[in-house]
Amino acid sequence: MSTVALLLYLRASELLPFGLFGLLTYVEPVLLAIVSITILGESLTPIDLLIYGPIAVALCPLGIENATARRHPAPPPG
């Protein structure tokens, strides 16, 4: 399973734009935490909030920046 995951990860790195791929690597831990809480029934401790909370908060401005950059692309230099 880990080999398949690694191959898919490498393929995604080739297909996706660098900025989006980088953003997804930050989203992964938060998504894993959400899945473990909602589907697997894991509990969230205060220490977990100290770890995943700042990551989730930092993703908001990154997502907004990415969305606005796609909506209003910068003019070419020159």
Protein backbone atom coordinates (compact mmCIF):
# COMPACT_ATOMS: atom_id res chain seq x y z
CA MET A 1 0.00 0.00 0.00
CA SER A 2 2.75 2.46 0.82
CA THR A 3 4.37 1.83 -2.57
CA VAL A 4 1.12 2.68 -4.35
CA ALA A 5 0.73 5.81 -2.22
CA LEU A 6 4.28 6.90 -3.04
CA LEU A 7 3.76 6.33 -6.76
CA LEU A 8 0.54 8.35 -6.71
CA TYR A 9 2.29 11.10 -4.77
CA LEU A 10 5.09 11.26 -7.34
CA ARG A 11 2.61 11.28 -10.23
CA ALA A 12 0.62 14.08 -8.60
CA SER A 13 3.81 16.10 -8.21
CA GLU A 14 4.31 15.88 -11.97
CA LEU A 15 0.72 16.75 -12.92
CA LEU A 16 -0.17 19.54 -10.49
CA PRO A 17 1.22 23.07 -10.49
CA PHE A 18 3.94 23.50 -7.89
CA GLY A 19 1.95 25.96 -5.75
CA LEU A 20 -1.13 23.74 -5.61
CA PHE A 21 0.93 20.64 -4.87
CA GLY A 22 2.70 22.45 -2.04
CA LEU A 23 -0.61 23.62 -0.63
CA LEU A 24 -1.96 20.07 -0.69
CA THR A 25 1.01 18.83 1.34
CA TYR A 26 -0.05 21.26 4.07
CA VAL A 27 -3.70 20.22 3.81
CA GLU A 28 -2.90 16.51 4.21
CA PRO A 29 -2.36 16.45 8.01
CA VAL A 30 -5.54 18.43 8.62
CA LEU A 31 -7.56 16.13 6.34
CA LEU A 32 -6.12 13.07 8.07
CA ALA A 33 -7.14 14.51 11.44
CA ILE A 34 -10.66 15.22 10.18
CA VAL A 35 -11.02 11.70 8.78
CA SER A 36 -9.70 10.12 11.97
CA ILE A 37 -12.15 12.12 14.07
CA THR A 38 -15.25 11.74 11.89
CA ILE A 39 -14.85 8.26 10.41
CA LEU A 40 -12.59 6.43 12.86
CA GLY A 41 -14.04 8.05 16.00
CA GLU A 42 -10.71 9.24 17.41
CA SER A 43 -10.83 11.89 20.10
CA LEU A 44 -9.13 15.26 19.81
CA THR A 45 -7.00 16.27 22.80
CA PRO A 46 -5.90 19.80 23.67
CA ILE A 47 -2.36 18.95 22.52
CA ASP A 48 -3.79 17.95 19.12
CA LEU A 49 -5.42 21.37 18.87
CA LEU A 50 -2.02 22.97 19.44
CA ILE A 51 -0.65 20.97 16.51
CA TYR A 52 -3.48 20.95 13.98
CA GLY A 53 -5.08 24.27 14.88
CA PRO A 54 -2.26 26.51 13.65
CA ILE A 55 -1.89 24.43 10.50
CA ALA A 56 -5.60 24.82 9.74
CA VAL A 57 -5.50 28.56 10.48
CA ALA A 58 -2.43 29.04 8.26
CA LEU A 59 -4.14 27.23 5.39
CA CYS A 60 -6.94 29.79 5.22
CA PRO A 61 -4.82 32.71 3.92
CA LEU A 62 -2.95 30.34 1.60
CA GLY A 63 -6.21 29.10 0.13
CA ILE A 64 -7.55 32.62 -0.27
CA GLU A 65 -4.33 33.75 -1.93
CA ASN A 66 -4.41 30.78 -4.30
CA ALA A 67 -8.05 31.41 -5.20
CA THR A 68 -7.53 35.11 -5.88
CA ALA A 69 -4.36 34.44 -7.91
CA ARG A 70 -6.29 32.05 -10.14
CA ARG A 71 -9.15 34.51 -10.54
CA HIS A 72 -6.93 37.52 -11.26
CA PRO A 73 -3.71 36.33 -12.90
CA ALA A 74 -0.78 38.70 -12.85
CA PRO A 75 0.10 40.37 -16.15
CA PRO A 76 3.20 39.07 -17.89
CA PRO A 77 6.39 41.01 -17.10
CA GLY A 78 7.71 43.48 -19.58
